[in-house]
Amino acid sequence: MPVDDILLEAEDKMQKAVEHLRASLRTLRTGRASAGLVEHLKIDYYGSPTELRQLATITVPDPLMILIKPYDPGSVGNIAKSIQASELGITPVVDSKVIRLSIPPLSEERRRQLVQQVKEQAEEAKIALRNIRRDAIKHIDAEEKAKSLGEDNARKARDDATELVHNHEKQVDEALRLKTDEIMEV
């Protein structure tokens, strides 16, 4: 496999790891309302688990309120049950054809727990990035051993893989900083 393909594949996997972290961070509850908190909740809709965003319009009318308007008014009960059963710790208020979620402010202790959780997720993402680099370097070493790649080119490819990791780790650090700031904001 050509070195460029190895590095492109590694970069693609690293970008996916960073995107996975960002998606995971969007679902964490902060002191502010966000549609991302509930849009991926699985709702039992006529016997099949369906994401909430496919069943309803989710809006954020103010920073402490999420408003859910189901397309099918008959699904209000199932949506409310799923929100109640989720780990969000938010009690839904059913108001005829809409569901209102009031986001209570987080305690200082809960904020610190969330920050710790975010740091752990960021560290897991960095570990995933390093594992991707390790795999890329294994492929580069195999190419060098098979004599299809010179020693200088292999060294440069290894350096490029390390540079990719550093660039993606910066993205992880930035996502961590933004989410931590959002959580600690009162």
N, C-alpha and C. Protein backbone atom coordinates (compact mmCIF):
# COMPACT_ATOMS: atom_id res chain seq x y z
N MET A 1 0.86 -1.18 0.00
CA MET A 1 0.00 0.00 0.00
C MET A 1 0.91 1.24 0.00
N PRO A 2 0.65 2.19 -0.89
CA PRO A 2 1.47 3.41 -0.93
C PRO A 2 1.36 4.21 0.38
N VAL A 3 2.43 4.91 0.70
CA VAL A 3 2.50 5.68 1.94
C VAL A 3 1.39 6.72 1.99
N ASP A 4 1.13 7.37 0.86
CA ASP A 4 0.08 8.39 0.84
C ASP A 4 -1.26 7.80 1.25
N ASP A 5 -1.55 6.59 0.78
CA ASP A 5 -2.81 5.93 1.14
C ASP A 5 -2.84 5.60 2.63
N ILE A 6 -1.72 5.15 3.16
CA ILE A 6 -1.64 4.83 4.59
C ILE A 6 -1.93 6.08 5.42
N LEU A 7 -1.29 7.19 5.04
CA LEU A 7 -1.48 8.43 5.79
C LEU A 7 -2.88 9.00 5.61
N LEU A 8 -3.43 8.89 4.40
CA LEU A 8 -4.80 9.37 4.18
C LEU A 8 -5.80 8.58 5.00
N GLU A 9 -5.61 7.26 5.03
CA GLU A 9 -6.50 6.41 5.82
C GLU A 9 -6.39 6.75 7.31
N ALA A 10 -5.16 6.96 7.77
CA ALA A 10 -4.95 7.32 9.18
C ALA A 10 -5.60 8.66 9.49
N GLU A 11 -5.44 9.63 8.58
CA GLU A 11 -6.04 10.95 8.81
C GLU A 11 -7.56 10.86 8.85
N ASP A 12 -8.13 10.05 7.96
CA ASP A 12 -9.59 9.87 7.93
C ASP A 12 -10.08 9.26 9.25
N LYS A 13 -9.38 8.23 9.72
CA LYS A 13 -9.77 7.60 10.99
C LYS A 13 -9.63 8.56 12.16
N MET A 14 -8.58 9.38 12.14
CA MET A 14 -8.37 10.35 13.22
C MET A 14 -9.48 11.40 13.22
N GLN A 15 -9.86 11.84 12.02
CA GLN A 15 -10.93 12.84 11.94
C GLN A 15 -12.24 12.25 12.47
N LYS A 16 -12.49 10.98 12.16
CA LYS A 16 -13.70 10.33 12.67
C LYS A 16 -13.66 10.22 14.19
N ALA A 17 -12.48 9.96 14.75
CA ALA A 17 -12.35 9.87 16.22
C ALA A 17 -12.66 11.22 16.86
N VAL A 18 -12.18 12.30 16.25
CA VAL A 18 -12.44 13.65 16.78
C VAL A 18 -13.93 13.97 16.66
N GLU A 19 -14.53 13.62 15.52
CA GLU A 19 -15.97 13.88 15.33
C GLU A 19 -16.81 13.07 16.32
N HIS A 20 -16.37 11.85 16.60
CA HIS A 20 -17.08 11.02 17.58
C HIS A 20 -17.04 11.69 18.96
N LEU A 21 -15.89 12.23 19.32
CA LEU A 21 -15.77 12.94 20.60
C LEU A 21 -16.72 14.14 20.63
N ARG A 22 -16.70 14.93 19.55
CA ARG A 22 -17.58 16.11 19.51
C ARG A 22 -19.05 15.72 19.63
N ALA A 23 -19.45 14.66 18.94
CA ALA A 23 -20.84 14.20 19.02
C ALA A 23 -21.17 13.74 20.43
N SER A 24 -20.24 13.05 21.05
CA SER A 24 -20.44 12.58 22.42
C SER A 24 -20.57 13.76 23.39
N LEU A 25 -19.76 14.79 23.19
CA LEU A 25 -19.81 15.96 24.07
C LEU A 25 -21.11 16.74 23.90
N ARG A 26 -21.67 16.72 22.69
CA ARG A 26 -22.93 17.44 22.46
C ARG A 26 -24.07 16.86 23.29
N THR A 27 -24.00 15.57 23.60
CA THR A 27 -25.09 14.93 24.35
C THR A 27 -24.97 15.14 25.86
N LEU A 28 -23.85 15.69 26.32
CA LEU A 28 -23.69 15.94 27.75
C LEU A 28 -24.51 17.15 28.18
N ARG A 29 -25.17 17.00 29.29
CA ARG A 29 -26.00 18.08 29.80
C ARG A 29 -25.15 19.14 30.48
N THR A 30 -25.33 20.36 30.06
CA THR A 30 -24.68 21.48 30.73
C THR A 30 -25.78 22.31 31.37
N GLY A 31 -25.47 23.47 31.86
CA GLY A 31 -26.49 24.31 32.48
C GLY A 31 -27.39 25.00 31.47
N ARG A 32 -27.14 24.76 30.19
CA ARG A 32 -27.86 25.44 29.13
C ARG A 32 -28.63 24.42 28.29
N ALA A 33 -29.81 24.81 27.83
CA ALA A 33 -30.62 23.92 27.00
C ALA A 33 -29.98 23.78 25.62
N SER A 34 -30.07 22.58 25.07
CA SER A 34 -29.54 22.30 23.74
C SER A 34 -30.34 21.14 23.15
N ALA A 35 -30.68 21.25 21.88
CA ALA A 35 -31.42 20.17 21.22
C ALA A 35 -30.60 18.89 21.21
N GLY A 36 -29.27 19.02 21.21
CA GLY A 36 -28.39 17.85 21.21
C GLY A 36 -28.56 16.95 22.42
N LEU A 37 -29.12 17.49 23.49
CA LEU A 37 -29.35 16.69 24.70
C LEU A 37 -30.33 15.55 24.45
N VAL A 38 -31.34 15.82 23.64
CA VAL A 38 -32.43 14.85 23.50
C VAL A 38 -32.61 14.29 22.10
N GLU A 39 -31.99 14.88 21.09
CA GLU A 39 -32.31 14.47 19.72
C GLU A 39 -31.96 13.02 19.41
N HIS A 40 -31.01 12.44 20.13
CA HIS A 40 -30.61 11.05 19.85
C HIS A 40 -31.29 10.04 20.77
N LEU A 41 -32.18 10.49 21.65
CA LEU A 41 -32.89 9.56 22.52
C LEU A 41 -33.71 8.59 21.68
N LYS A 42 -33.68 7.32 22.06
CA LYS A 42 -34.47 6.31 21.35
C LYS A 42 -35.87 6.26 21.96
N ILE A 43 -36.86 6.38 21.10
CA ILE A 43 -38.26 6.36 21.51
C ILE A 43 -38.91 5.11 20.94
N ASP A 44 -39.71 4.42 21.75
CA ASP A 44 -40.44 3.25 21.26
C ASP A 44 -41.63 3.77 20.45
N TYR A 45 -41.49 3.72 19.13
CA TYR A 45 -42.53 4.25 18.25
C TYR A 45 -43.13 3.09 17.46
N TYR A 46 -44.31 2.69 17.85
CA TYR A 46 -45.00 1.54 17.24
C TYR A 46 -44.10 0.31 17.18
N GLY A 47 -43.43 0.04 18.28
CA GLY A 47 -42.65 -1.18 18.41
C GLY A 47 -41.21 -1.11 17.94
N SER A 48 -40.81 -0.01 17.31
CA SER A 48 -39.42 0.07 16.87
C SER A 48 -38.74 1.29 17.49
N PRO A 49 -37.51 1.12 17.96
CA PRO A 49 -36.79 2.26 18.55
C PRO A 49 -36.42 3.28 17.46
N THR A 50 -36.84 4.51 17.67
CA THR A 50 -36.63 5.58 16.69
C THR A 50 -36.05 6.79 17.41
N GLU A 51 -35.11 7.48 16.76
CA GLU A 51 -34.53 8.67 17.37
C GLU A 51 -35.57 9.77 17.45
N LEU A 52 -35.52 10.53 18.54
CA LEU A 52 -36.49 11.59 18.77
C LEU A 52 -36.50 12.61 17.64
N ARG A 53 -35.33 12.92 17.08
CA ARG A 53 -35.29 13.93 16.03
C ARG A 53 -36.07 13.52 14.78
N GLN A 54 -36.36 12.23 14.63
CA GLN A 54 -37.16 11.76 13.51
C GLN A 54 -38.65 11.81 13.81
N LEU A 55 -38.99 11.99 15.08
CA LEU A 55 -40.40 11.98 15.49
C LEU A 55 -40.95 13.34 15.85
N ALA A 56 -40.07 14.33 16.03
CA ALA A 56 -40.55 15.61 16.55
C ALA A 56 -39.63 16.76 16.15
N THR A 57 -40.19 17.95 16.25
CA THR A 57 -39.41 19.17 16.10
C THR A 57 -38.90 19.55 17.48
N ILE A 58 -37.61 19.77 17.58
CA ILE A 58 -37.00 20.11 18.86
C ILE A 58 -36.50 21.55 18.76
N THR A 59 -37.02 22.42 19.62
CA THR A 59 -36.59 23.82 19.62
C THR A 59 -36.13 24.23 21.01
N VAL A 60 -35.37 25.29 21.05
CA VAL A 60 -34.87 25.84 22.31
C VAL A 60 -35.33 27.30 22.38
N PRO A 61 -36.54 27.54 22.94
CA PRO A 61 -37.06 28.91 22.97
C PRO A 61 -36.30 29.84 23.91
N ASP A 62 -35.69 29.31 24.95
CA ASP A 62 -34.84 30.13 25.83
C ASP A 62 -33.74 29.23 26.40
N PRO A 63 -32.72 29.80 27.02
CA PRO A 63 -31.56 29.01 27.46
C PRO A 63 -31.84 27.90 28.47
N LEU A 64 -33.00 27.91 29.11
CA LEU A 64 -33.29 26.89 30.11
C LEU A 64 -34.50 26.03 29.75
N MET A 65 -34.91 26.04 28.48
CA MET A 65 -36.13 25.31 28.09
C MET A 65 -35.92 24.63 26.73
N ILE A 66 -36.36 23.37 26.66
CA ILE A 66 -36.41 22.65 25.39
C ILE A 66 -37.87 22.35 25.11
N LEU A 67 -38.31 22.62 23.90
CA LEU A 67 -39.70 22.39 23.51
C LEU A 67 -39.72 21.31 22.43
N ILE A 68 -40.51 20.26 22.66
CA ILE A 68 -40.60 19.14 21.72
C ILE A 68 -42.02 19.07 21.19
N LYS A 69 -42.16 19.19 19.86
CA LYS A 69 -43.47 19.10 19.21
C LYS A 69 -43.48 17.86 18.32
N PRO A 70 -44.10 16.76 18.79
CA PRO A 70 -44.14 15.54 17.98
C PRO A 70 -44.97 15.74 16.71
N TYR A 71 -44.54 15.09 15.62
CA TYR A 71 -45.30 15.15 14.38
C TYR A 71 -46.61 14.38 14.55
N ASP A 72 -46.55 13.30 15.34
CA ASP A 72 -47.73 12.49 15.64
C ASP A 72 -48.10 12.76 17.10
N PRO A 73 -49.20 13.50 17.34
CA PRO A 73 -49.58 13.83 18.72
C PRO A 73 -49.79 12.60 19.61
N GLY A 74 -50.06 11.44 19.01
CA GLY A 74 -50.25 10.22 19.79
C GLY A 74 -48.98 9.68 20.41
N SER A 75 -47.83 10.19 19.96
CA SER A 75 -46.56 9.68 20.49
C SER A 75 -46.05 10.49 21.68
N VAL A 76 -46.80 11.49 22.11
CA VAL A 76 -46.38 12.35 23.23
C VAL A 76 -46.07 11.51 24.47
N GLY A 77 -46.93 10.56 24.80
CA GLY A 77 -46.74 9.73 25.99
C GLY A 77 -45.46 8.92 25.94
N ASN A 78 -45.20 8.28 24.79
CA ASN A 78 -43.98 7.48 24.65
C ASN A 78 -42.72 8.34 24.73
N ILE A 79 -42.79 9.53 24.15
CA ILE A 79 -41.64 10.43 24.20
C ILE A 79 -41.38 10.85 25.65
N ALA A 80 -42.43 11.22 26.36
CA ALA A 80 -42.28 11.63 27.76
C ALA A 80 -41.70 10.50 28.61
N LYS A 81 -42.18 9.26 28.38
CA LYS A 81 -41.66 8.10 29.14
C LYS A 81 -40.17 7.90 28.87
N SER A 82 -39.78 8.01 27.61
CA SER A 82 -38.37 7.80 27.26
C SER A 82 -37.48 8.86 27.87
N ILE A 83 -37.96 10.10 27.89
CA ILE A 83 -37.17 11.18 28.51
C ILE A 83 -37.05 10.93 30.00
N GLN A 84 -38.15 10.52 30.62
CA GLN A 84 -38.16 10.24 32.06
C GLN A 84 -37.19 9.10 32.39
N ALA A 85 -37.14 8.09 31.53
CA ALA A 85 -36.30 6.92 31.78
C ALA A 85 -34.83 7.17 31.43
N SER A 86 -34.54 8.23 30.70
CA SER A 86 -33.16 8.51 30.30
C SER A 86 -32.34 8.97 31.51
N GLU A 87 -31.03 9.09 31.30
CA GLU A 87 -30.13 9.50 32.37
C GLU A 87 -29.99 11.01 32.47
N LEU A 88 -30.86 11.75 31.79
CA LEU A 88 -30.74 13.21 31.79
C LEU A 88 -31.11 13.83 33.13
N GLY A 89 -31.99 13.18 33.87
CA GLY A 89 -32.42 13.74 35.14
C GLY A 89 -33.35 14.93 34.97
N ILE A 90 -34.09 14.94 33.87
CA ILE A 90 -35.03 16.04 33.58
C ILE A 90 -36.43 15.46 33.54
N THR A 91 -37.36 16.11 34.21
CA THR A 91 -38.75 15.65 34.21
C THR A 91 -39.51 16.38 33.10
N PRO A 92 -40.08 15.63 32.16
CA PRO A 92 -40.83 16.28 31.08
C PRO A 92 -42.19 16.76 31.57
N VAL A 93 -42.63 17.90 31.06
CA VAL A 93 -43.95 18.44 31.37
C VAL A 93 -44.77 18.34 30.08
N VAL A 94 -45.79 17.47 30.10
CA VAL A 94 -46.63 17.27 28.92
C VAL A 94 -47.72 18.33 28.92
N ASP A 95 -47.80 19.07 27.83
CA ASP A 95 -48.76 20.16 27.70
C ASP A 95 -49.55 19.92 26.41
N SER A 96 -50.58 19.11 26.45
CA SER A 96 -51.42 18.65 25.33
C SER A 96 -50.56 18.05 24.21
N LYS A 97 -50.18 18.82 23.19
CA LYS A 97 -49.46 18.26 22.05
C LYS A 97 -47.97 18.56 22.06
N VAL A 98 -47.48 19.20 23.11
CA VAL A 98 -46.05 19.50 23.21
C VAL A 98 -45.49 19.02 24.55
N ILE A 99 -44.18 18.86 24.57
CA ILE A 99 -43.49 18.47 25.79
C ILE A 99 -42.47 19.56 26.09
N ARG A 100 -42.48 20.02 27.33
CA ARG A 100 -41.53 21.05 27.75
C ARG A 100 -40.53 20.43 28.72
N LEU A 101 -39.28 20.75 28.52
CA LEU A 101 -38.22 20.29 29.41
C LEU A 101 -37.53 21.51 30.00
N SER A 102 -37.66 21.68 31.30
CA SER A 102 -36.96 22.77 31.99
C SER A 102 -35.61 22.25 32.44
N ILE A 103 -34.58 22.93 32.05
CA ILE A 103 -33.22 22.52 32.41
C ILE A 103 -32.84 23.21 33.71
N PRO A 104 -32.76 22.45 34.81
CA PRO A 104 -32.38 23.09 36.09
C PRO A 104 -30.89 23.42 36.08
N PRO A 105 -30.50 24.45 36.81
CA PRO A 105 -29.07 24.77 36.88
C PRO A 105 -28.31 23.64 37.58
N LEU A 106 -27.07 23.45 37.17
CA LEU A 106 -26.24 22.39 37.75
C LEU A 106 -25.58 22.87 39.04
N SER A 107 -25.45 21.95 39.99
CA SER A 107 -24.72 22.28 41.22
C SER A 107 -23.23 22.30 40.91
N GLU A 108 -22.46 22.91 41.77
CA GLU A 108 -21.01 23.00 41.58
C GLU A 108 -20.39 21.60 41.53
N GLU A 109 -20.87 20.72 42.41
CA GLU A 109 -20.35 19.35 42.45
C GLU A 109 -20.63 18.63 41.13
N ARG A 110 -21.85 18.79 40.61
CA ARG A 110 -22.23 18.13 39.36
C ARG A 110 -21.40 18.70 38.19
N ARG A 111 -21.13 19.99 38.23
CA ARG A 111 -20.30 20.60 37.18
C ARG A 111 -18.91 19.96 37.17
N ARG A 112 -18.35 19.79 38.37
CA ARG A 112 -17.02 19.19 38.47
C ARG A 112 -17.02 17.74 37.96
N GLN A 113 -18.09 17.00 38.28
CA GLN A 113 -18.21 15.63 37.79
C GLN A 113 -18.27 15.61 36.26
N LEU A 114 -19.04 16.53 35.70
CA LEU A 114 -19.16 16.60 34.24
C LEU A 114 -17.83 16.96 33.59
N VAL A 115 -17.10 17.89 34.20
CA VAL A 115 -15.79 18.27 33.66
C VAL A 115 -14.86 17.06 33.69
N GLN A 116 -14.89 16.29 34.78
CA GLN A 116 -14.06 15.09 34.87
C GLN A 116 -14.44 14.09 33.78
N GLN A 117 -15.74 13.94 33.56
CA GLN A 117 -16.23 13.02 32.52
C GLN A 117 -15.76 13.48 31.13
N VAL A 118 -15.81 14.77 30.89
CA VAL A 118 -15.36 15.33 29.61
C VAL A 118 -13.86 15.07 29.42
N LYS A 119 -13.08 15.26 30.49
CA LYS A 119 -11.64 15.02 30.41
C LYS A 119 -11.34 13.56 30.09
N GLU A 120 -12.11 12.65 30.71
CA GLU A 120 -11.92 11.22 30.44
C GLU A 120 -12.24 10.90 28.99
N GLN A 121 -13.31 11.47 28.46
CA GLN A 121 -13.67 11.23 27.05
C GLN A 121 -12.59 11.78 26.12
N ALA A 122 -12.05 12.95 26.46
CA ALA A 122 -10.99 13.54 25.64
C ALA A 122 -9.74 12.66 25.67
N GLU A 123 -9.41 12.12 26.83
CA GLU A 123 -8.24 11.24 26.94
C GLU A 123 -8.46 9.96 26.13
N GLU A 124 -9.67 9.42 26.16
CA GLU A 124 -9.97 8.24 25.35
C GLU A 124 -9.81 8.54 23.86
N ALA A 125 -10.22 9.74 23.45
CA ALA A 125 -10.06 10.13 22.05
C ALA A 125 -8.58 10.23 21.68
N LYS A 126 -7.77 10.77 22.59
CA LYS A 126 -6.33 10.88 22.33
C LYS A 126 -5.70 9.49 22.22
N ILE A 127 -6.15 8.58 23.07
CA ILE A 127 -5.63 7.21 23.01
C ILE A 127 -5.99 6.58 21.67
N ALA A 128 -7.22 6.82 21.21
CA ALA A 128 -7.65 6.30 19.91
C ALA A 128 -6.76 6.87 18.80
N LEU A 129 -6.45 8.16 18.88
CA LEU A 129 -5.58 8.79 17.87
C LEU A 129 -4.20 8.13 17.87
N ARG A 130 -3.66 7.89 19.05
CA ARG A 130 -2.33 7.28 19.13
C ARG A 130 -2.35 5.85 18.60
N ASN A 131 -3.44 5.13 18.85
CA ASN A 131 -3.56 3.77 18.32
C ASN A 131 -3.61 3.78 16.80
N ILE A 132 -4.30 4.76 16.24
CA ILE A 132 -4.37 4.89 14.78
C ILE A 132 -2.97 5.16 14.23
N ARG A 133 -2.23 6.04 14.91
CA ARG A 133 -0.85 6.33 14.49
C ARG A 133 0.00 5.06 14.55
N ARG A 134 -0.15 4.30 15.64
CA ARG A 134 0.63 3.07 15.79
C ARG A 134 0.36 2.11 14.64
N ASP A 135 -0.92 1.97 14.27
CA ASP A 135 -1.27 1.09 13.15
C ASP A 135 -0.67 1.59 11.84
N ALA A 136 -0.70 2.91 11.62
CA ALA A 136 -0.14 3.48 10.40
C ALA A 136 1.37 3.23 10.35
N ILE A 137 2.03 3.39 11.49
CA ILE A 137 3.48 3.17 11.53
C ILE A 137 3.80 1.69 11.29
N LYS A 138 2.95 0.79 11.78
CA LYS A 138 3.15 -0.65 11.50
C LYS A 138 3.10 -0.90 9.99
N HIS A 139 2.13 -0.27 9.32
CA HIS A 139 2.02 -0.44 7.86
C HIS A 139 3.24 0.16 7.16
N ILE A 140 3.71 1.30 7.64
CA ILE A 140 4.89 1.93 7.05
C ILE A 140 6.11 1.04 7.24
N ASP A 141 6.27 0.48 8.44
CA ASP A 141 7.39 -0.43 8.71
C ASP A 141 7.32 -1.67 7.82
N ALA A 142 6.11 -2.18 7.61
CA ALA A 142 5.95 -3.35 6.74
C ALA A 142 6.36 -3.01 5.31
N GLU A 143 6.00 -1.83 4.85
CA GLU A 143 6.39 -1.40 3.50
C GLU A 143 7.91 -1.25 3.40
N GLU A 144 8.51 -0.73 4.47
CA GLU A 144 9.96 -0.55 4.48
C GLU A 144 10.66 -1.91 4.48
N LYS A 145 10.12 -2.85 5.25
CA LYS A 145 10.69 -4.20 5.32
C LYS A 145 10.57 -4.92 3.98
N ALA A 146 9.45 -4.66 3.28
CA ALA A 146 9.22 -5.29 1.98
C ALA A 146 10.04 -4.61 0.88
N LYS A 147 10.83 -3.63 1.26
CA LYS A 147 11.71 -2.89 0.34
C LYS A 147 10.95 -2.08 -0.70
N SER A 148 9.67 -1.80 -0.46
CA SER A 148 8.93 -0.95 -1.40
C SER A 148 8.98 0.50 -0.95
N LEU A 149 9.72 0.74 0.14
CA LEU A 149 9.83 2.09 0.68
C LEU A 149 11.23 2.27 1.25
N GLY A 150 11.88 3.35 0.87
CA GLY A 150 13.23 3.62 1.35
C GLY A 150 13.24 4.07 2.80
N GLU A 151 14.43 4.00 3.41
CA GLU A 151 14.56 4.34 4.83
C GLU A 151 14.20 5.80 5.09
N ASP A 152 14.67 6.71 4.24
CA ASP A 152 14.37 8.14 4.43
C ASP A 152 12.88 8.42 4.27
N ASN A 153 12.27 7.81 3.26
CA ASN A 153 10.83 8.00 3.04
C ASN A 153 10.02 7.43 4.20
N ALA A 154 10.47 6.30 4.74
CA ALA A 154 9.77 5.69 5.88
C ALA A 154 9.85 6.61 7.10
N ARG A 155 11.04 7.18 7.33
CA ARG A 155 11.20 8.10 8.46
C ARG A 155 10.30 9.32 8.29
N LYS A 156 10.26 9.85 7.07
CA LYS A 156 9.40 11.01 6.81
C LYS A 156 7.92 10.65 7.00
N ALA A 157 7.54 9.46 6.57
CA ALA A 157 6.14 9.02 6.72
C ALA A 157 5.79 8.87 8.20
N ARG A 158 6.74 8.33 9.00
CA ARG A 158 6.50 8.21 10.44
C ARG A 158 6.33 9.59 11.07
N ASP A 159 7.18 10.53 10.64
CA ASP A 159 7.07 11.90 11.15
C ASP A 159 5.73 12.53 10.75
N ASP A 160 5.30 12.25 9.52
CA ASP A 160 4.00 12.77 9.07
C ASP A 160 2.86 12.20 9.91
N ALA A 161 2.95 10.91 10.25
CA ALA A 161 1.91 10.29 11.07
C ALA A 161 1.88 10.93 12.46
N THR A 162 3.06 11.21 13.00
CA THR A 162 3.13 11.87 14.31
C THR A 162 2.56 13.28 14.23
N GLU A 163 2.85 13.98 13.14
CA GLU A 163 2.32 15.33 12.95
C GLU A 163 0.79 15.30 12.86
N LEU A 164 0.25 14.29 12.19
CA LEU A 164 -1.21 14.13 12.12
C LEU A 164 -1.80 13.99 13.52
N VAL A 165 -1.17 13.18 14.34
CA VAL A 165 -1.66 12.98 15.71
C VAL A 165 -1.64 14.30 16.47
N HIS A 166 -0.55 15.05 16.34
CA HIS A 166 -0.45 16.33 17.06
C HIS A 166 -1.56 17.29 16.62
N ASN A 167 -1.81 17.36 15.32
CA ASN A 167 -2.86 18.26 14.82
C ASN A 167 -4.24 17.85 15.35
N HIS A 168 -4.52 16.56 15.36
CA HIS A 168 -5.83 16.10 15.82
C HIS A 168 -5.95 16.20 17.35
N GLU A 169 -4.83 16.03 18.06
CA GLU A 169 -4.87 16.22 19.51
C GLU A 169 -5.19 17.67 19.86
N LYS A 170 -4.72 18.60 19.04
CA LYS A 170 -5.06 20.02 19.26
C LYS A 170 -6.57 20.22 19.11
N GLN A 171 -7.19 19.53 18.13
CA GLN A 171 -8.64 19.63 17.96
C GLN A 171 -9.37 19.05 19.18
N VAL A 172 -8.86 17.94 19.70
CA VAL A 172 -9.45 17.34 20.90
C VAL A 172 -9.33 18.30 22.08
N ASP A 173 -8.15 18.90 22.23
CA ASP A 173 -7.95 19.85 23.34
C ASP A 173 -8.88 21.05 23.21
N GLU A 174 -9.09 21.53 21.99
CA GLU A 174 -9.99 22.67 21.78
C GLU A 174 -11.43 22.29 22.12
N ALA A 175 -11.87 21.10 21.70
CA ALA A 175 -13.22 20.63 22.03
C ALA A 175 -13.37 20.49 23.55
N LEU A 176 -12.34 19.98 24.20
CA LEU A 176 -12.34 19.84 25.66
C LEU A 176 -12.45 21.21 26.33
N ARG A 177 -11.66 22.17 25.86
CA ARG A 177 -11.68 23.50 26.46
C ARG A 177 -13.06 24.16 26.30
N LEU A 178 -13.63 24.06 25.10
CA LEU A 178 -14.94 24.67 24.86
C LEU A 178 -16.02 24.06 25.75
N LYS A 179 -16.02 22.73 25.85
CA LYS A 179 -17.05 22.06 26.65
C LYS A 179 -16.85 22.34 28.13
N THR A 180 -15.61 22.36 28.58
CA THR A 180 -15.34 22.66 29.99
C THR A 180 -15.79 24.08 30.33
N ASP A 181 -15.49 25.03 29.44
CA ASP A 181 -15.94 26.41 29.67
C ASP A 181 -17.46 26.48 29.72
N GLU A 182 -18.12 25.75 28.82
CA GLU A 182 -19.59 25.75 28.78
C GLU A 182 -20.17 25.17 30.07
N ILE A 183 -19.57 24.10 30.57
CA ILE A 183 -20.07 23.46 31.79
C ILE A 183 -19.86 24.36 33.01
N MET A 184 -18.71 24.99 33.10
CA MET A 184 -18.38 25.78 34.28
C MET A 184 -19.04 27.16 34.28
N GLU A 185 -19.59 27.56 33.13
CA GLU A 185 -20.28 28.85 33.04
C GLU A 185 -21.55 28.81 33.89
N VAL A 186 -21.71 29.79 34.75
CA VAL A 186 -22.87 29.80 35.65
C VAL A 186 -23.96 30.69 35.10
